[in-house]
Amino acid sequence: MRFSYIITQESLEIEMLNELILFFGCGYVYTGPDNRGYYTVRSMIDLQTKIIPFFDKHPLQTKKYLSFLQFKKVLALYLENKSLLPSNIEDIKKL
């Protein structure tokens, strides 16, 4: 299973996305085939120690907050078990 945190912006905003690498101290930026810029973090350690704590301290004020809570819960389940057991799959489906 692969977890990712991704921010997408128009290609004109690539420099802002590059600033996120400096801010969080992780991730990478690329331009997709749709000519949009993507800031992506895939490292489990960075997600757990940098991205999630940031959004715990500075909660999102949009409906994406619920998605964040789901992401955080599923990542925690995965990290606790190192694999998603059938019992955990049922918990995830309920989210």
C-alpha atoms as a PDB file:
ATOM      1  CA  MET A   1       0.000   0.000   0.000  1.00  0.00           C
ATOM      2  CA  ARG A   2       1.260   3.476  -0.832  1.00  0.00           C
ATOM      3  CA  PHE A   3       0.259   6.616   1.049  1.00  0.00           C
ATOM      4  CA  SER A   4       0.686  10.065  -0.495  1.00  0.00           C
ATOM      5  CA  TYR A   5       0.042  13.653   0.439  1.00  0.00           C
ATOM      6  CA  ILE A   6      -0.381  15.734  -2.727  1.00  0.00           C
ATOM      7  CA  ILE A   7      -1.029  19.410  -3.430  1.00  0.00           C
ATOM      8  CA  THR A   8      -1.894  20.350  -6.998  1.00  0.00           C
ATOM      9  CA  GLN A   9      -1.520  23.820  -8.507  1.00  0.00           C
ATOM     10  CA  GLU A  10      -1.422  25.412 -11.926  1.00  0.00           C
ATOM     11  CA  SER A  11       2.056  25.244 -13.481  1.00  0.00           C
ATOM     12  CA  LEU A  12       2.529  28.976 -12.817  1.00  0.00           C
ATOM     13  CA  GLU A  13       2.611  28.129  -9.092  1.00  0.00           C
ATOM     14  CA  ILE A  14       5.545  25.681  -9.290  1.00  0.00           C
ATOM     15  CA  GLU A  15       7.735  28.046  -7.267  1.00  0.00           C
ATOM     16  CA  MET A  16       5.211  28.039  -4.417  1.00  0.00           C
ATOM     17  CA  LEU A  17       5.199  24.246  -4.479  1.00  0.00           C
ATOM     18  CA  ASN A  18       9.004  24.252  -4.290  1.00  0.00           C
ATOM     19  CA  GLU A  19       8.723  26.430  -1.179  1.00  0.00           C
ATOM     20  CA  LEU A  20       6.746  23.620   0.452  1.00  0.00           C
ATOM     21  CA  ILE A  21       9.792  21.358   0.146  1.00  0.00           C
ATOM     22  CA  LEU A  22      11.755  23.918   2.161  1.00  0.00           C
ATOM     23  CA  PHE A  23       8.912  24.472   4.636  1.00  0.00           C
ATOM     24  CA  PHE A  24       8.208  20.813   5.403  1.00  0.00           C
ATOM     25  CA  GLY A  25      11.744  19.556   4.730  1.00  0.00           C
ATOM     26  CA  CYS A  26      10.463  16.721   2.576  1.00  0.00           C
ATOM     27  CA  GLY A  27       8.667  15.814  -0.626  1.00  0.00           C
ATOM     28  CA  TYR A  28       9.253  16.613  -4.246  1.00  0.00           C
ATOM     29  CA  VAL A  29       7.652  18.648  -7.033  1.00  0.00           C
ATOM     30  CA  TYR A  30       6.930  17.601 -10.582  1.00  0.00           C
ATOM     31  CA  THR A  31       4.878  18.762 -13.533  1.00  0.00           C
ATOM     32  CA  GLY A  32       2.314  16.252 -14.726  1.00  0.00           C
ATOM     33  CA  PRO A  33       1.148  15.528 -18.256  1.00  0.00           C
ATOM     34  CA  ASP A  34      -1.788  17.852 -17.547  1.00  0.00           C
ATOM     35  CA  ASN A  35       0.724  20.714 -17.171  1.00  0.00           C
ATOM     36  CA  ARG A  36      -0.122  21.111 -13.463  1.00  0.00           C
ATOM     37  CA  GLY A  37       2.416  21.181 -10.664  1.00  0.00           C
ATOM     38  CA  TYR A  38       2.338  18.538  -7.939  1.00  0.00           C
ATOM     39  CA  TYR A  39       3.944  18.635  -4.495  1.00  0.00           C
ATOM     40  CA  THR A  40       4.042  15.054  -3.224  1.00  0.00           C
ATOM     41  CA  VAL A  41       5.142  13.398   0.017  1.00  0.00           C
ATOM     42  CA  ARG A  42       5.243   9.581   0.055  1.00  0.00           C
ATOM     43  CA  SER A  43       7.673   8.814   2.868  1.00  0.00           C
ATOM     44  CA  MET A  44       5.755   7.179   5.726  1.00  0.00           C
ATOM     45  CA  ILE A  45       8.113   8.768   8.232  1.00  0.00           C
ATOM     46  CA  ASP A  46       7.629  12.251   6.740  1.00  0.00           C
ATOM     47  CA  LEU A  47       3.869  11.791   6.638  1.00  0.00           C
ATOM     48  CA  GLN A  48       3.843  10.679  10.268  1.00  0.00           C
ATOM     49  CA  THR A  49       6.349  13.181  11.673  1.00  0.00           C
ATOM     50  CA  LYS A  50       5.885  16.293   9.510  1.00  0.00           C
ATOM     51  CA  ILE A  51       2.659  16.427   7.503  1.00  0.00           C
ATOM     52  CA  ILE A  52       0.179  14.979  10.012  1.00  0.00           C
ATOM     53  CA  PRO A  53       1.535  16.951  13.005  1.00  0.00           C
ATOM     54  CA  PHE A  54       1.332  20.163  10.956  1.00  0.00           C
ATOM     55  CA  PHE A  55      -2.345  19.623  10.167  1.00  0.00           C
ATOM     56  CA  ASP A  56      -3.046  18.498  13.726  1.00  0.00           C
ATOM     57  CA  LYS A  57      -1.660  21.836  14.912  1.00  0.00           C
ATOM     58  CA  HIS A  58      -3.248  23.845  12.068  1.00  0.00           C
ATOM     59  CA  PRO A  59      -6.552  22.091  11.234  1.00  0.00           C
ATOM     60  CA  LEU A  60      -8.021  22.496   7.780  1.00  0.00           C
ATOM     61  CA  GLN A  61     -11.102  24.703   7.720  1.00  0.00           C
ATOM     62  CA  THR A  62     -12.786  23.000   4.779  1.00  0.00           C
ATOM     63  CA  LYS A  63     -14.490  19.693   4.085  1.00  0.00           C
ATOM     64  CA  LYS A  64     -11.003  18.303   3.365  1.00  0.00           C
ATOM     65  CA  TYR A  65     -10.565  18.126   7.148  1.00  0.00           C
ATOM     66  CA  LEU A  66     -12.678  14.954   7.173  1.00  0.00           C
ATOM     67  CA  SER A  67     -10.488  13.433   4.462  1.00  0.00           C
ATOM     68  CA  PHE A  68      -7.434  14.316   6.528  1.00  0.00           C
ATOM     69  CA  LEU A  69      -8.885  12.543   9.577  1.00  0.00           C
ATOM     70  CA  GLN A  70      -9.583   9.441   7.487  1.00  0.00           C
ATOM     71  CA  PHE A  71      -6.084   9.524   5.993  1.00  0.00           C
ATOM     72  CA  LYS A  72      -4.544   9.894   9.454  1.00  0.00           C
ATOM     73  CA  LYS A  73      -6.570   6.964  10.843  1.00  0.00           C
ATOM     74  CA  VAL A  74      -5.755   4.612   7.944  1.00  0.00           C
ATOM     75  CA  LEU A  75      -2.053   5.503   8.073  1.00  0.00           C
ATOM     76  CA  ALA A  76      -2.013   4.835  11.835  1.00  0.00           C
ATOM     77  CA  LEU A  77      -3.674   1.441  11.301  1.00  0.00           C
ATOM     78  CA  TYR A  78      -1.154   0.576   8.618  1.00  0.00           C
ATOM     79  CA  LEU A  79       1.833   1.632  10.720  1.00  0.00           C
ATOM     80  CA  GLU A  80       0.587  -0.301  13.743  1.00  0.00           C
ATOM     81  CA  ASN A  81       0.138  -3.535  11.802  1.00  0.00           C
ATOM     82  CA  LYS A  82       2.629  -3.118   8.952  1.00  0.00           C
ATOM     83  CA  SER A  83      -0.126  -4.599   6.813  1.00  0.00           C
ATOM     84  CA  LEU A  84      -3.840  -4.133   6.711  1.00  0.00           C
ATOM     85  CA  LEU A  85      -5.482  -7.102   8.347  1.00  0.00           C
ATOM     86  CA  PRO A  86      -9.027  -8.102   7.323  1.00  0.00           C
ATOM     87  CA  SER A  87     -10.396  -6.735  10.607  1.00  0.00           C
ATOM     88  CA  ASN A  88      -8.838  -3.347   9.856  1.00  0.00           C
ATOM     89  CA  ILE A  89     -10.234  -3.326   6.323  1.00  0.00           C
ATOM     90  CA  GLU A  90     -13.723  -3.352   7.841  1.00  0.00           C
ATOM     91  CA  ASP A  91     -12.824  -0.375  10.044  1.00  0.00           C
ATOM     92  CA  ILE A  92     -11.505   1.487   6.992  1.00  0.00           C
ATOM     93  CA  LYS A  93     -14.683   0.786   4.998  1.00  0.00           C
ATOM     94  CA  LYS A  94     -16.695   2.388   7.805  1.00  0.00           C
ATOM     95  CA  LEU A  95     -14.699   5.588   7.403  1.00  0.00           C
END
